[in-house]
PDB file of all heavy atoms in Angstrom:
ATOM      1  N   LEU A   1     -53.141 -35.849 -64.599  1.00  0.00           N
ATOM      2  CA  LEU A   1     -52.595 -36.500 -63.404  1.00  0.00           C
ATOM      3  C   LEU A   1     -53.595 -36.337 -62.272  1.00  0.00           C
ATOM      4  O   LEU A   1     -54.028 -35.218 -61.978  1.00  0.00           O
ATOM      5  CB  LEU A   1     -51.258 -35.855 -63.004  1.00  0.00           C
ATOM      6  CG  LEU A   1     -50.636 -36.361 -61.703  1.00  0.00           C
ATOM      7  CD1 LEU A   1     -50.198 -37.819 -61.832  1.00  0.00           C
ATOM      8  CD2 LEU A   1     -49.457 -35.468 -61.307  1.00  0.00           C
ATOM      9  N   ILE A   2     -53.947 -37.454 -61.636  1.00  0.00           N
ATOM     10  CA  ILE A   2     -54.832 -37.432 -60.472  1.00  0.00           C
ATOM     11  C   ILE A   2     -53.978 -37.711 -59.241  1.00  0.00           C
ATOM     12  O   ILE A   2     -53.363 -38.774 -59.122  1.00  0.00           O
ATOM     13  CB  ILE A   2     -55.940 -38.509 -60.579  1.00  0.00           C
ATOM     14  CG1 ILE A   2     -56.646 -38.468 -61.941  1.00  0.00           C
ATOM     15  CG2 ILE A   2     -56.908 -38.369 -59.409  1.00  0.00           C
ATOM     16  CD1 ILE A   2     -57.340 -37.179 -62.269  1.00  0.00           C
ATOM     17  N   VAL A   3     -53.918 -36.742 -58.339  1.00  0.00           N
ATOM     18  CA  VAL A   3     -53.177 -36.874 -57.082  1.00  0.00           C
ATOM     19  C   VAL A   3     -54.227 -37.166 -56.007  1.00  0.00           C
ATOM     20  O   VAL A   3     -55.005 -36.290 -55.629  1.00  0.00           O
ATOM     21  CB  VAL A   3     -52.380 -35.596 -56.765  1.00  0.00           C
ATOM     22  CG1 VAL A   3     -51.639 -35.737 -55.443  1.00  0.00           C
ATOM     23  CG2 VAL A   3     -51.430 -35.264 -57.911  1.00  0.00           C
ATOM     24  N   VAL A   4     -54.236 -38.403 -55.542  1.00  0.00           N
ATOM     25  CA  VAL A   4     -55.308 -38.878 -54.675  1.00  0.00           C
ATOM     26  C   VAL A   4     -54.965 -38.675 -53.194  1.00  0.00           C
ATOM     27  O   VAL A   4     -53.984 -39.228 -52.689  1.00  0.00           O
ATOM     28  CB  VAL A   4     -55.600 -40.374 -54.945  1.00  0.00           C
ATOM     29  CG1 VAL A   4     -56.723 -40.876 -54.047  1.00  0.00           C
ATOM     30  CG2 VAL A   4     -55.943 -40.606 -56.413  1.00  0.00           C
ATOM     31  N   ASP A   5     -55.762 -37.843 -52.524  1.00  0.00           N
ATOM     32  CA  ASP A   5     -55.825 -37.755 -51.055  1.00  0.00           C
ATOM     33  C   ASP A   5     -54.485 -37.591 -50.336  1.00  0.00           C
ATOM     34  O   ASP A   5     -54.247 -38.216 -49.303  1.00  0.00           O
ATOM     35  CB  ASP A   5     -56.560 -38.978 -50.501  1.00  0.00           C
ATOM     36  CG  ASP A   5     -57.974 -39.105 -51.027  1.00  0.00           C
ATOM     37  OD1 ASP A   5     -58.453 -38.193 -51.725  1.00  0.00           O
ATOM     38  OD2 ASP A   5     -58.616 -40.130 -50.737  1.00  0.00           O
ATOM     39  N   MET A   6     -53.626 -36.720 -50.851  1.00  0.00           N
ATOM     40  CA  MET A   6     -52.345 -36.459 -50.186  1.00  0.00           C
ATOM     41  C   MET A   6     -52.556 -35.432 -49.070  1.00  0.00           C
ATOM     42  O   MET A   6     -52.035 -34.327 -49.095  1.00  0.00           O
ATOM     43  CB  MET A   6     -51.312 -35.992 -51.211  1.00  0.00           C
ATOM     44  CG  MET A   6     -50.845 -37.086 -52.152  1.00  0.00           C
ATOM     45  SD  MET A   6     -49.967 -38.440 -51.323  1.00  0.00           S
ATOM     46  CE  MET A   6     -48.494 -37.604 -50.744  1.00  0.00           C
ATOM     47  N   GLN A   7     -53.332 -35.863 -48.070  1.00  0.00           N
ATOM     48  CA  GLN A   7     -53.759 -34.993 -46.982  1.00  0.00           C
ATOM     49  C   GLN A   7     -53.014 -35.309 -45.689  1.00  0.00           C
ATOM     50  O   GLN A   7     -52.535 -36.425 -45.479  1.00  0.00           O
ATOM     51  CB  GLN A   7     -55.262 -35.171 -46.771  1.00  0.00           C
ATOM     52  CG  GLN A   7     -56.079 -34.740 -47.973  1.00  0.00           C
ATOM     53  CD  GLN A   7     -57.473 -35.315 -47.952  1.00  0.00           C
ATOM     54  OE1 GLN A   7     -57.711 -36.352 -48.566  1.00  0.00           O
ATOM     55  NE2 GLN A   7     -58.391 -34.658 -47.249  1.00  0.00           N
ATOM     56  N   ASN A   8     -52.971 -34.312 -44.820  1.00  0.00           N
ATOM     57  CA  ASN A   8     -52.242 -34.451 -43.563  1.00  0.00           C
ATOM     58  C   ASN A   8     -52.664 -35.680 -42.754  1.00  0.00           C
ATOM     59  O   ASN A   8     -51.808 -36.408 -42.256  1.00  0.00           O
ATOM     60  CB  ASN A   8     -52.398 -33.177 -42.722  1.00  0.00           C
ATOM     61  CG  ASN A   8     -51.691 -32.007 -43.356  1.00  0.00           C
ATOM     62  OD1 ASN A   8     -50.559 -32.118 -43.825  1.00  0.00           O
ATOM     63  ND2 ASN A   8     -52.358 -30.865 -43.395  1.00  0.00           N
ATOM     64  N   ASP A   9     -53.949 -35.936 -42.614  1.00  0.00           N
ATOM     65  CA  ASP A   9     -54.378 -37.076 -41.799  1.00  0.00           C
ATOM     66  C   ASP A   9     -53.874 -38.406 -42.334  1.00  0.00           C
ATOM     67  O   ASP A   9     -53.608 -39.327 -41.569  1.00  0.00           O
ATOM     68  CB  ASP A   9     -55.904 -37.116 -41.650  1.00  0.00           C
ATOM     69  CG  ASP A   9     -56.392 -36.286 -40.468  1.00  0.00           C
ATOM     70  OD1 ASP A   9     -55.561 -35.873 -39.627  1.00  0.00           O
ATOM     71  OD2 ASP A   9     -57.609 -36.054 -40.393  1.00  0.00           O
ATOM     72  N   PHE A  10     -53.732 -38.527 -43.654  1.00  0.00           N
ATOM     73  CA  PHE A  10     -53.243 -39.781 -44.251  1.00  0.00           C
ATOM     74  C   PHE A  10     -51.724 -39.895 -44.216  1.00  0.00           C
ATOM     75  O   PHE A  10     -51.182 -40.978 -44.411  1.00  0.00           O
ATOM     76  CB  PHE A  10     -53.697 -39.906 -45.705  1.00  0.00           C
ATOM     77  CG  PHE A  10     -55.144 -40.240 -45.860  1.00  0.00           C
ATOM     78  CD1 PHE A  10     -55.965 -39.426 -46.612  1.00  0.00           C
ATOM     79  CD2 PHE A  10     -55.698 -41.363 -45.273  1.00  0.00           C
ATOM     80  CE1 PHE A  10     -57.305 -39.734 -46.786  1.00  0.00           C
ATOM     81  CE2 PHE A  10     -57.038 -41.670 -45.431  1.00  0.00           C
ATOM     82  CZ  PHE A  10     -57.846 -40.854 -46.187  1.00  0.00           C
ATOM     83  N   ILE A  11     -51.046 -38.777 -44.011  1.00  0.00           N
ATOM     84  CA  ILE A  11     -49.584 -38.788 -44.073  1.00  0.00           C
ATOM     85  C   ILE A  11     -48.983 -38.886 -42.678  1.00  0.00           C
ATOM     86  O   ILE A  11     -48.347 -39.883 -42.351  1.00  0.00           O
ATOM     87  CB  ILE A  11     -49.078 -37.561 -44.863  1.00  0.00           C
ATOM     88  CG1 ILE A  11     -49.586 -37.694 -46.316  1.00  0.00           C
ATOM     89  CG2 ILE A  11     -47.552 -37.464 -44.801  1.00  0.00           C
ATOM     90  CD1 ILE A  11     -49.406 -36.475 -47.166  1.00  0.00           C
ATOM     91  N   ASP A  12     -49.218 -37.878 -41.849  1.00  0.00           N
ATOM     92  CA  ASP A  12     -48.652 -37.936 -40.498  1.00  0.00           C
ATOM     93  C   ASP A  12     -49.695 -37.609 -39.435  1.00  0.00           C
ATOM     94  O   ASP A  12     -49.371 -37.316 -38.296  1.00  0.00           O
ATOM     95  CB  ASP A  12     -47.445 -37.008 -40.367  1.00  0.00           C
ATOM     96  CG  ASP A  12     -47.765 -35.553 -40.666  1.00  0.00           C
ATOM     97  OD1 ASP A  12     -48.948 -35.216 -40.881  1.00  0.00           O
ATOM     98  OD2 ASP A  12     -46.813 -34.741 -40.701  1.00  0.00           O
ATOM     99  N   GLY A  13     -50.961 -37.703 -39.834  1.00  0.00           N
ATOM    100  CA  GLY A  13     -52.053 -37.400 -38.916  1.00  0.00           C
ATOM    101  C   GLY A  13     -52.685 -38.647 -38.325  1.00  0.00           C
ATOM    102  O   GLY A  13     -52.015 -39.665 -38.129  1.00  0.00           O
ATOM    103  N   SER A  14     -53.981 -38.588 -38.114  1.00  0.00           N
ATOM    104  CA  SER A  14     -54.690 -39.627 -37.346  1.00  0.00           C
ATOM    105  C   SER A  14     -54.583 -41.030 -37.923  1.00  0.00           C
ATOM    106  O   SER A  14     -54.643 -41.998 -37.175  1.00  0.00           O
ATOM    107  CB  SER A  14     -56.163 -39.238 -37.187  1.00  0.00           C
ATOM    108  OG  SER A  14     -56.798 -39.145 -38.449  1.00  0.00           O
ATOM    109  N   ILE A  15     -54.404 -41.174 -39.234  1.00  0.00           N
ATOM    110  CA  ILE A  15     -54.221 -42.513 -39.811  1.00  0.00           C
ATOM    111  C   ILE A  15     -53.012 -42.548 -40.751  1.00  0.00           C
ATOM    112  O   ILE A  15     -52.970 -43.321 -41.702  1.00  0.00           O
ATOM    113  CB  ILE A  15     -55.507 -43.039 -40.502  1.00  0.00           C
ATOM    114  CG1 ILE A  15     -56.028 -42.079 -41.541  1.00  0.00           C
ATOM    115  CG2 ILE A  15     -56.569 -43.373 -39.482  1.00  0.00           C
ATOM    116  CD1 ILE A  15     -57.243 -42.610 -42.298  1.00  0.00           C
ATOM    117  N   GLY A  16     -52.025 -41.739 -40.437  1.00  0.00           N
ATOM    118  CA  GLY A  16     -50.816 -41.686 -41.246  1.00  0.00           C
ATOM    119  C   GLY A  16     -49.936 -42.914 -41.065  1.00  0.00           C
ATOM    120  O   GLY A  16     -50.082 -43.670 -40.103  1.00  0.00           O
ATOM    121  N   THR A  17     -49.031 -43.108 -42.015  1.00  0.00           N
ATOM    122  CA  THR A  17     -48.073 -44.210 -41.958  1.00  0.00           C
ATOM    123  C   THR A  17     -46.701 -43.712 -42.397  1.00  0.00           C
ATOM    124  O   THR A  17     -46.593 -42.695 -43.097  1.00  0.00           O
ATOM    125  CB  THR A  17     -48.481 -45.369 -42.899  1.00  0.00           C
ATOM    126  OG1 THR A  17     -48.422 -44.910 -44.259  1.00  0.00           O
ATOM    127  CG2 THR A  17     -49.873 -45.904 -42.567  1.00  0.00           C
ATOM    128  N   LYS A  18     -45.670 -44.452 -42.027  1.00  0.00           N
ATOM    129  CA  LYS A  18     -44.315 -44.085 -42.464  1.00  0.00           C
ATOM    130  C   LYS A  18     -44.194 -44.203 -43.979  1.00  0.00           C
ATOM    131  O   LYS A  18     -43.475 -43.437 -44.615  1.00  0.00           O
ATOM    132  CB  LYS A  18     -43.257 -44.920 -41.749  1.00  0.00           C
ATOM    133  CG  LYS A  18     -43.275 -46.374 -42.094  1.00  0.00           C
ATOM    134  CD  LYS A  18     -42.209 -47.163 -41.350  1.00  0.00           C
ATOM    135  CE  LYS A  18     -42.305 -48.609 -41.845  1.00  0.00           C
ATOM    136  NZ  LYS A  18     -41.498 -49.530 -41.205  1.00  0.00           N
ATOM    137  N   GLU A  19     -44.928 -45.144 -44.577  1.00  0.00           N
ATOM    138  CA  GLU A  19     -44.906 -45.287 -46.035  1.00  0.00           C
ATOM    139  C   GLU A  19     -45.504 -44.053 -46.709  1.00  0.00           C
ATOM    140  O   GLU A  19     -45.007 -43.598 -47.741  1.00  0.00           O
ATOM    141  CB  GLU A  19     -45.656 -46.549 -46.472  1.00  0.00           C
ATOM    142  CG  GLU A  19     -44.970 -47.851 -46.089  1.00  0.00           C
ATOM    143  CD  GLU A  19     -45.244 -48.297 -44.652  1.00  0.00           C
ATOM    144  OE1 GLU A  19     -46.141 -47.726 -43.995  1.00  0.00           O
ATOM    145  OE2 GLU A  19     -44.549 -49.224 -44.187  1.00  0.00           O
ATOM    146  N   ALA A  20     -46.570 -43.511 -46.130  1.00  0.00           N
ATOM    147  CA  ALA A  20     -47.185 -42.299 -46.685  1.00  0.00           C
ATOM    148  C   ALA A  20     -46.223 -41.110 -46.580  1.00  0.00           C
ATOM    149  O   ALA A  20     -46.066 -40.347 -47.543  1.00  0.00           O
ATOM    150  CB  ALA A  20     -48.504 -41.996 -45.980  1.00  0.00           C
ATOM    151  N   VAL A  21     -45.586 -40.980 -45.431  1.00  0.00           N
ATOM    152  CA  VAL A  21     -44.586 -39.915 -45.262  1.00  0.00           C
ATOM    153  C   VAL A  21     -43.499 -40.069 -46.323  1.00  0.00           C
ATOM    154  O   VAL A  21     -43.043 -39.096 -46.924  1.00  0.00           O
ATOM    155  CB  VAL A  21     -43.981 -39.955 -43.839  1.00  0.00           C
ATOM    156  CG1 VAL A  21     -42.776 -39.015 -43.719  1.00  0.00           C
ATOM    157  CG2 VAL A  21     -45.037 -39.605 -42.796  1.00  0.00           C
ATOM    158  N   GLY A  22     -43.125 -41.318 -46.586  1.00  0.00           N
ATOM    159  CA  GLY A  22     -42.039 -41.612 -47.502  1.00  0.00           C
ATOM    160  C   GLY A  22     -42.296 -41.294 -48.968  1.00  0.00           C
ATOM    161  O   GLY A  22     -41.342 -41.239 -49.748  1.00  0.00           O
ATOM    162  N   ILE A  23     -43.551 -41.089 -49.371  1.00  0.00           N
ATOM    163  CA  ILE A  23     -43.815 -40.805 -50.795  1.00  0.00           C
ATOM    164  C   ILE A  23     -44.070 -39.323 -51.096  1.00  0.00           C
ATOM    165  O   ILE A  23     -44.215 -38.961 -52.256  1.00  0.00           O
ATOM    166  CB  ILE A  23     -44.990 -41.645 -51.355  1.00  0.00           C
ATOM    167  CG1 ILE A  23     -46.328 -41.237 -50.723  1.00  0.00           C
ATOM    168  CG2 ILE A  23     -44.692 -43.134 -51.246  1.00  0.00           C
ATOM    169  CD1 ILE A  23     -47.548 -41.717 -51.484  1.00  0.00           C
ATOM    170  N   VAL A  24     -44.099 -38.485 -50.093  1.00  0.00           N
ATOM    171  CA  VAL A  24     -44.448 -37.072 -50.307  1.00  0.00           C
ATOM    172  C   VAL A  24     -43.545 -36.424 -51.357  1.00  0.00           C
ATOM    173  O   VAL A  24     -44.035 -35.801 -52.311  1.00  0.00           O
ATOM    174  CB  VAL A  24     -44.421 -36.273 -48.982  1.00  0.00           C
ATOM    175  CG1 VAL A  24     -44.540 -34.768 -49.245  1.00  0.00           C
ATOM    176  CG2 VAL A  24     -45.525 -36.750 -48.056  1.00  0.00           C
ATOM    177  N   ASP A  25     -42.237 -36.546 -51.203  1.00  0.00           N
ATOM    178  CA  ASP A  25     -41.325 -35.915 -52.150  1.00  0.00           C
ATOM    179  C   ASP A  25     -41.470 -36.503 -53.550  1.00  0.00           C
ATOM    180  O   ASP A  25     -41.393 -35.781 -54.545  1.00  0.00           O
ATOM    181  CB  ASP A  25     -39.877 -36.016 -51.670  1.00  0.00           C
ATOM    182  CG  ASP A  25     -39.611 -35.133 -50.460  1.00  0.00           C
ATOM    183  OD1 ASP A  25     -40.383 -34.180 -50.219  1.00  0.00           O
ATOM    184  OD2 ASP A  25     -38.617 -35.399 -49.748  1.00  0.00           O
ATOM    185  N   ARG A  26     -41.686 -37.812 -53.626  1.00  0.00           N
ATOM    186  CA  ARG A  26     -41.860 -38.451 -54.940  1.00  0.00           C
ATOM    187  C   ARG A  26     -43.134 -37.948 -55.622  1.00  0.00           C
ATOM    188  O   ARG A  26     -43.126 -37.673 -56.826  1.00  0.00           O
ATOM    189  CB  ARG A  26     -41.897 -39.970 -54.775  1.00  0.00           C
ATOM    190  CG  ARG A  26     -42.185 -40.717 -56.055  1.00  0.00           C
ATOM    191  CD  ARG A  26     -41.058 -40.611 -57.081  1.00  0.00           C
ATOM    192  NE  ARG A  26     -41.469 -41.301 -58.305  1.00  0.00           N
ATOM    193  CZ  ARG A  26     -41.271 -40.847 -59.528  1.00  0.00           C
ATOM    194  NH1 ARG A  26     -40.640 -39.706 -59.726  1.00  0.00           N
ATOM    195  NH2 ARG A  26     -41.696 -41.524 -60.566  1.00  0.00           N
ATOM    196  N   VAL A  27     -44.232 -37.814 -54.866  1.00  0.00           N
ATOM    197  CA  VAL A  27     -45.477 -37.292 -55.445  1.00  0.00           C
ATOM    198  C   VAL A  27     -45.256 -35.868 -55.951  1.00  0.00           C
ATOM    199  O   VAL A  27     -45.669 -35.524 -57.066  1.00  0.00           O
ATOM    200  CB  VAL A  27     -46.645 -37.366 -54.444  1.00  0.00           C
ATOM    201  CG1 VAL A  27     -47.875 -36.631 -54.963  1.00  0.00           C
ATOM    202  CG2 VAL A  27     -46.992 -38.824 -54.122  1.00  0.00           C
ATOM    203  N   ALA A  28     -44.577 -35.048 -55.160  1.00  0.00           N
ATOM    204  CA  ALA A  28     -44.287 -33.670 -55.586  1.00  0.00           C
ATOM    205  C   ALA A  28     -43.442 -33.661 -56.850  1.00  0.00           C
ATOM    206  O   ALA A  28     -43.677 -32.853 -57.762  1.00  0.00           O
ATOM    207  CB  ALA A  28     -43.590 -32.908 -54.464  1.00  0.00           C
ATOM    208  N   GLU A  29     -42.494 -34.564 -56.950  1.00  0.00           N
ATOM    209  CA  GLU A  29     -41.643 -34.676 -58.139  1.00  0.00           C
ATOM    210  C   GLU A  29     -42.480 -35.062 -59.374  1.00  0.00           C
ATOM    211  O   GLU A  29     -42.314 -34.477 -60.448  1.00  0.00           O
ATOM    212  CB  GLU A  29     -40.571 -35.739 -57.867  1.00  0.00           C
ATOM    213  CG  GLU A  29     -39.627 -36.030 -58.983  1.00  0.00           C
ATOM    214  CD  GLU A  29     -38.671 -37.159 -58.587  1.00  0.00           C
ATOM    215  OE1 GLU A  29     -37.908 -36.974 -57.614  1.00  0.00           O
ATOM    216  OE2 GLU A  29     -38.691 -38.206 -59.252  1.00  0.00           O
ATOM    217  N   VAL A  30     -43.375 -36.033 -59.215  1.00  0.00           N
ATOM    218  CA  VAL A  30     -44.239 -36.437 -60.325  1.00  0.00           C
ATOM    219  C   VAL A  30     -45.118 -35.262 -60.757  1.00  0.00           C
ATOM    220  O   VAL A  30     -45.267 -34.980 -61.950  1.00  0.00           O
ATOM    221  CB  VAL A  30     -45.099 -37.664 -59.947  1.00  0.00           C
ATOM    222  CG1 VAL A  30     -46.169 -37.947 -60.994  1.00  0.00           C
ATOM    223  CG2 VAL A  30     -44.217 -38.898 -59.738  1.00  0.00           C
ATOM    224  N   MET A  31     -45.693 -34.566 -59.776  1.00  0.00           N
ATOM    225  CA  MET A  31     -46.522 -33.398 -60.098  1.00  0.00           C
ATOM    226  C   MET A  31     -45.722 -32.356 -60.874  1.00  0.00           C
ATOM    227  O   MET A  31     -46.185 -31.823 -61.885  1.00  0.00           O
ATOM    228  CB  MET A  31     -47.084 -32.768 -58.819  1.00  0.00           C
ATOM    229  CG  MET A  31     -48.102 -33.607 -58.093  1.00  0.00           C
ATOM    230  SD  MET A  31     -48.559 -32.892 -56.483  1.00  0.00           S
ATOM    231  CE  MET A  31     -49.617 -31.512 -56.991  1.00  0.00           C
ATOM    232  N   ASP A  32     -44.530 -32.062 -60.393  1.00  0.00           N
ATOM    233  CA  ASP A  32     -43.713 -31.007 -60.990  1.00  0.00           C
ATOM    234  C   ASP A  32     -43.335 -31.319 -62.431  1.00  0.00           C
ATOM    235  O   ASP A  32     -43.325 -30.435 -63.281  1.00  0.00           O
ATOM    236  CB  ASP A  32     -42.458 -30.789 -60.138  1.00  0.00           C
ATOM    237  CG  ASP A  32     -41.749 -29.489 -60.466  1.00  0.00           C
ATOM    238  OD1 ASP A  32     -42.426 -28.498 -60.810  1.00  0.00           O
ATOM    239  OD2 ASP A  32     -40.511 -29.455 -60.377  1.00  0.00           O
ATOM    240  N   SER A  33     -43.050 -32.578 -62.705  1.00  0.00           N
ATOM    241  CA  SER A  33     -42.586 -32.941 -64.049  1.00  0.00           C
ATOM    242  C   SER A  33     -43.722 -33.322 -64.994  1.00  0.00           C
ATOM    243  O   SER A  33     -43.478 -33.539 -66.183  1.00  0.00           O
ATOM    244  CB  SER A  33     -41.588 -34.099 -63.955  1.00  0.00           C
ATOM    245  OG  SER A  33     -42.223 -35.261 -63.470  1.00  0.00           O
ATOM    246  N   PHE A  34     -44.949 -33.377 -64.494  1.00  0.00           N
ATOM    247  CA  PHE A  34     -46.063 -33.824 -65.330  1.00  0.00           C
ATOM    248  C   PHE A  34     -46.431 -32.768 -66.361  1.00  0.00           C
ATOM    249  O   PHE A  34     -46.621 -31.596 -66.031  1.00  0.00           O
ATOM    250  CB  PHE A  34     -47.291 -34.166 -64.472  1.00  0.00           C
ATOM    251  CG  PHE A  34     -48.354 -34.891 -65.232  1.00  0.00           C
ATOM    252  CD1 PHE A  34     -48.225 -36.248 -65.495  1.00  0.00           C
ATOM    253  CD2 PHE A  34     -49.475 -34.237 -65.712  1.00  0.00           C
ATOM    254  CE1 PHE A  34     -49.192 -36.930 -66.223  1.00  0.00           C
ATOM    255  CE2 PHE A  34     -50.453 -34.904 -66.432  1.00  0.00           C
ATOM    256  CZ  PHE A  34     -50.309 -36.254 -66.692  1.00  0.00           C
ATOM    257  N   ASP A  35     -46.542 -33.193 -67.608  1.00  0.00           N
ATOM    258  CA  ASP A  35     -46.893 -32.299 -68.702  1.00  0.00           C
ATOM    259  C   ASP A  35     -48.373 -32.478 -69.022  1.00  0.00           C
ATOM    260  O   ASP A  35     -48.747 -33.272 -69.885  1.00  0.00           O
ATOM    261  CB  ASP A  35     -46.030 -32.611 -69.934  1.00  0.00           C
ATOM    262  CG  ASP A  35     -46.312 -31.676 -71.086  1.00  0.00           C
ATOM    263  OD1 ASP A  35     -46.785 -30.551 -70.840  1.00  0.00           O
ATOM    264  OD2 ASP A  35     -46.067 -32.077 -72.239  1.00  0.00           O
ATOM    265  N   GLY A  36     -49.208 -31.784 -68.291  1.00  0.00           N
ATOM    266  CA  GLY A  36     -50.652 -31.883 -68.477  1.00  0.00           C
ATOM    267  C   GLY A  36     -51.364 -31.264 -67.287  1.00  0.00           C
ATOM    268  O   GLY A  36     -50.751 -30.597 -66.447  1.00  0.00           O
ATOM    269  N   ALA A  37     -52.643 -31.507 -67.223  1.00  0.00           N
ATOM    270  CA  ALA A  37     -53.465 -30.962 -66.138  1.00  0.00           C
ATOM    271  C   ALA A  37     -53.337 -31.827 -64.887  1.00  0.00           C
ATOM    272  O   ALA A  37     -53.107 -33.034 -64.972  1.00  0.00           O
ATOM    273  CB  ALA A  37     -54.922 -30.900 -66.583  1.00  0.00           C
ATOM    274  N   VAL A  38     -53.512 -31.205 -63.732  1.00  0.00           N
ATOM    275  CA  VAL A  38     -53.414 -31.908 -62.455  1.00  0.00           C
ATOM    276  C   VAL A  38     -54.695 -31.685 -61.654  1.00  0.00           C
ATOM    277  O   VAL A  38     -55.181 -30.555 -61.545  1.00  0.00           O
ATOM    278  CB  VAL A  38     -52.193 -31.426 -61.635  1.00  0.00           C
ATOM    279  CG1 VAL A  38     -52.123 -32.127 -60.287  1.00  0.00           C
ATOM    280  CG2 VAL A  38     -50.894 -31.619 -62.428  1.00  0.00           C
ATOM    281  N   ILE A  39     -55.204 -32.781 -61.109  1.00  0.00           N
ATOM    282  CA  ILE A  39     -56.355 -32.733 -60.195  1.00  0.00           C
ATOM    283  C   ILE A  39     -55.928 -33.374 -58.893  1.00  0.00           C
ATOM    284  O   ILE A  39     -55.391 -34.486 -58.892  1.00  0.00           O
ATOM    285  CB  ILE A  39     -57.567 -33.490 -60.769  1.00  0.00           C
ATOM    286  CG1 ILE A  39     -58.056 -32.864 -62.066  1.00  0.00           C
ATOM    287  CG2 ILE A  39     -58.701 -33.546 -59.730  1.00  0.00           C
ATOM    288  CD1 ILE A  39     -59.163 -33.649 -62.768  1.00  0.00           C
ATOM    289  N   CYS A  40     -56.140 -32.681 -57.788  1.00  0.00           N
ATOM    290  CA  CYS A  40     -55.883 -33.244 -56.458  1.00  0.00           C
ATOM    291  C   CYS A  40     -57.227 -33.517 -55.793  1.00  0.00           C
ATOM    292  O   CYS A  40     -58.072 -32.609 -55.710  1.00  0.00           O
ATOM    293  CB  CYS A  40     -55.100 -32.266 -55.591  1.00  0.00           C
ATOM    294  SG  CYS A  40     -53.448 -31.878 -56.203  1.00  0.00           S
ATOM    295  N   THR A  41     -57.409 -34.750 -55.322  1.00  0.00           N
ATOM    296  CA  THR A  41     -58.633 -35.049 -54.576  1.00  0.00           C
ATOM    297  C   THR A  41     -58.358 -34.947 -53.087  1.00  0.00           C
ATOM    298  O   THR A  41     -57.220 -35.121 -52.637  1.00  0.00           O
ATOM    299  CB  THR A  41     -59.168 -36.466 -54.900  1.00  0.00           C
ATOM    300  OG1 THR A  41     -58.260 -37.452 -54.388  1.00  0.00           O
ATOM    301  CG2 THR A  41     -59.392 -36.654 -56.387  1.00  0.00           C
ATOM    302  N   ARG A  42     -59.411 -34.649 -52.351  1.00  0.00           N
ATOM    303  CA  ARG A  42     -59.333 -34.636 -50.884  1.00  0.00           C
ATOM    304  C   ARG A  42     -60.472 -35.486 -50.342  1.00  0.00           C
ATOM    305  O   ARG A  42     -61.655 -35.184 -50.599  1.00  0.00           O
ATOM    306  CB  ARG A  42     -59.461 -33.218 -50.328  1.00  0.00           C
ATOM    307  CG  ARG A  42     -58.279 -32.342 -50.612  1.00  0.00           C
ATOM    308  CD  ARG A  42     -58.344 -31.037 -49.873  1.00  0.00           C
ATOM    309  NE  ARG A  42     -59.571 -30.312 -50.193  1.00  0.00           N
ATOM    310  CZ  ARG A  42     -59.775 -29.030 -49.945  1.00  0.00           C
ATOM    311  NH1 ARG A  42     -58.846 -28.306 -49.365  1.00  0.00           N
ATOM    312  NH2 ARG A  42     -60.911 -28.451 -50.264  1.00  0.00           N
TER     313      ARG A  42
END
C-alpha cells in the first residue's frame, strides 16, 4: 500500500482542502485493514 503525501500542508495547511480533510479517516481505515507492507510518501 502506497499512502501518498498525507501531510498537514495538503490537509488543513497552506494548500489544504475540505476534500483532503474529508478522507483522513478513510485513509487510516484502509491502512489499518491492509494486509501487506505500507509505504508513506512525503
